[in-house]
Amino acid sequence: MPDYLALYLSHPPIVARLMGQASPGTVLWAHTHELRQLLVAVPSLQEQARTVKLVRAIDARITIERALVSKLEEFAVGIMDDLL
């Protein structure tokens, strides 16, 4: 499942491992043979789908919470402006 693989490859410990093996330069990149040697945890398709669904739900919640924090920060600034 491509979505699961994208999540797996963007997981911070995996990114750190790939960055550690990347060739130096303006743009970091990994050689094909290094990518082929990367061990990928491959659960059942059902578990992959469940994982992707769960991570997407968490990401959506994080987006909502960040928007709320932003609005509350604006509100706090407005209150401080009124008080001063």
C-alpha atoms as a PDB file:
ATOM      1  CA  MET A   1       0.000   0.000   0.000  1.00  0.00           C
ATOM      2  CA  PRO A   2       1.706   3.226  -1.170  1.00  0.00           C
ATOM      3  CA  ASP A   3       0.243   5.383   1.618  1.00  0.00           C
ATOM      4  CA  TYR A   4       1.659   3.061   4.270  1.00  0.00           C
ATOM      5  CA  LEU A   5       5.077   3.067   2.613  1.00  0.00           C
ATOM      6  CA  ALA A   6       5.044   6.881   2.487  1.00  0.00           C
ATOM      7  CA  LEU A   7       4.231   7.006   6.206  1.00  0.00           C
ATOM      8  CA  TYR A   8       6.925   4.451   6.968  1.00  0.00           C
ATOM      9  CA  LEU A   9       9.571   6.328   4.998  1.00  0.00           C
ATOM     10  CA  SER A  10       8.641   9.622   6.692  1.00  0.00           C
ATOM     11  CA  HIS A  11       8.905   8.140  10.205  1.00  0.00           C
ATOM     12  CA  PRO A  12      11.658  10.119  12.013  1.00  0.00           C
ATOM     13  CA  PRO A  13      13.929   7.126  12.833  1.00  0.00           C
ATOM     14  CA  ILE A  14      13.764   5.959   9.201  1.00  0.00           C
ATOM     15  CA  VAL A  15      14.427   9.492   7.908  1.00  0.00           C
ATOM     16  CA  ALA A  16      17.418   9.761  10.252  1.00  0.00           C
ATOM     17  CA  ARG A  17      18.770   6.454   8.989  1.00  0.00           C
ATOM     18  CA  LEU A  18      18.353   7.491   5.350  1.00  0.00           C
ATOM     19  CA  MET A  19      19.918  10.894   6.020  1.00  0.00           C
ATOM     20  CA  GLY A  20      22.866   9.169   7.662  1.00  0.00           C
ATOM     21  CA  GLN A  21      23.420   7.131   4.504  1.00  0.00           C
ATOM     22  CA  ALA A  22      22.749   9.971   2.074  1.00  0.00           C
ATOM     23  CA  SER A  23      25.470  11.267  -0.180  1.00  0.00           C
ATOM     24  CA  PRO A  24      26.610  14.794   0.715  1.00  0.00           C
ATOM     25  CA  GLY A  25      25.933  17.687  -1.625  1.00  0.00           C
ATOM     26  CA  THR A  26      23.471  20.457  -2.221  1.00  0.00           C
ATOM     27  CA  VAL A  27      20.639  17.940  -2.236  1.00  0.00           C
ATOM     28  CA  LEU A  28      20.899  14.837  -0.076  1.00  0.00           C
ATOM     29  CA  TRP A  29      20.070  11.628  -1.899  1.00  0.00           C
ATOM     30  CA  ALA A  30      20.426   7.918  -1.312  1.00  0.00           C
ATOM     31  CA  HIS A  31      21.785   5.415  -3.767  1.00  0.00           C
ATOM     32  CA  THR A  32      19.407   2.806  -5.132  1.00  0.00           C
ATOM     33  CA  HIS A  33      21.413  -0.030  -3.612  1.00  0.00           C
ATOM     34  CA  GLU A  34      21.069   1.608  -0.174  1.00  0.00           C
ATOM     35  CA  LEU A  35      17.306   1.849  -0.579  1.00  0.00           C
ATOM     36  CA  ARG A  36      17.139  -1.784  -1.646  1.00  0.00           C
ATOM     37  CA  GLN A  37      18.905  -2.782   1.568  1.00  0.00           C
ATOM     38  CA  LEU A  38      16.391  -0.897   3.724  1.00  0.00           C
ATOM     39  CA  LEU A  39      14.280  -3.295   5.748  1.00  0.00           C
ATOM     40  CA  VAL A  40      10.623  -2.271   5.712  1.00  0.00           C
ATOM     41  CA  ALA A  41       8.127  -3.610   8.228  1.00  0.00           C
ATOM     42  CA  VAL A  42       5.271  -4.934   6.094  1.00  0.00           C
ATOM     43  CA  PRO A  43       2.156  -5.794   8.101  1.00  0.00           C
ATOM     44  CA  SER A  44      -0.954  -7.220   6.470  1.00  0.00           C
ATOM     45  CA  LEU A  45      -2.874  -4.975   4.061  1.00  0.00           C
ATOM     46  CA  GLN A  46      -5.632  -4.691   6.649  1.00  0.00           C
ATOM     47  CA  GLU A  47      -3.154  -3.489   9.295  1.00  0.00           C
ATOM     48  CA  GLN A  48      -1.556  -1.083   6.808  1.00  0.00           C
ATOM     49  CA  ALA A  49      -4.964   0.418   5.999  1.00  0.00           C
ATOM     50  CA  ARG A  50      -5.789   0.710   9.702  1.00  0.00           C
ATOM     51  CA  THR A  51      -2.461   2.414  10.402  1.00  0.00           C
ATOM     52  CA  VAL A  52      -2.901   4.911   7.560  1.00  0.00           C
ATOM     53  CA  LYS A  53      -6.458   5.697   8.680  1.00  0.00           C
ATOM     54  CA  LEU A  54      -5.339   6.233  12.279  1.00  0.00           C
ATOM     55  CA  VAL A  55      -2.392   8.470  11.357  1.00  0.00           C
ATOM     56  CA  ARG A  56      -4.588  10.548   9.031  1.00  0.00           C
ATOM     57  CA  ALA A  57      -7.153  10.995  11.828  1.00  0.00           C
ATOM     58  CA  ILE A  58      -4.428  12.101  14.235  1.00  0.00           C
ATOM     59  CA  ASP A  59      -2.995  14.503  11.637  1.00  0.00           C
ATOM     60  CA  ALA A  60      -6.455  16.000  11.090  1.00  0.00           C
ATOM     61  CA  ARG A  61      -6.865  16.492  14.841  1.00  0.00           C
ATOM     62  CA  ILE A  62      -3.447  18.133  15.082  1.00  0.00           C
ATOM     63  CA  THR A  63      -4.424  20.554  12.293  1.00  0.00           C
ATOM     64  CA  ILE A  64      -7.631  21.468  14.139  1.00  0.00           C
ATOM     65  CA  GLU A  65      -5.786  21.957  17.438  1.00  0.00           C
ATOM     66  CA  ARG A  66      -3.131  24.160  15.801  1.00  0.00           C
ATOM     67  CA  ALA A  67      -5.843  26.346  14.274  1.00  0.00           C
ATOM     68  CA  LEU A  68      -7.493  26.657  17.688  1.00  0.00           C
ATOM     69  CA  VAL A  69      -4.195  27.619  19.348  1.00  0.00           C
ATOM     70  CA  SER A  70      -3.633  30.256  16.666  1.00  0.00           C
ATOM     71  CA  LYS A  71      -7.079  31.751  17.259  1.00  0.00           C
ATOM     72  CA  LEU A  72      -6.558  31.749  21.028  1.00  0.00           C
ATOM     73  CA  GLU A  73      -3.190  33.476  20.631  1.00  0.00           C
ATOM     74  CA  GLU A  74      -4.837  36.172  18.487  1.00  0.00           C
ATOM     75  CA  PHE A  75      -7.565  36.516  21.104  1.00  0.00           C
ATOM     76  CA  ALA A  76      -4.971  36.904  23.880  1.00  0.00           C
ATOM     77  CA  VAL A  77      -3.164  39.623  21.922  1.00  0.00           C
ATOM     78  CA  GLY A  78      -6.475  41.426  21.428  1.00  0.00           C
ATOM     79  CA  ILE A  79      -7.246  41.286  25.139  1.00  0.00           C
ATOM     80  CA  MET A  80      -3.802  42.597  26.020  1.00  0.00           C
ATOM     81  CA  ASP A  81      -4.231  45.443  23.518  1.00  0.00           C
ATOM     82  CA  ASP A  82      -7.576  46.340  25.161  1.00  0.00           C
ATOM     83  CA  LEU A  83      -6.030  46.291  28.640  1.00  0.00           C
ATOM     84  CA  LEU A  84      -3.065  48.439  27.721  1.00  0.00           C
END
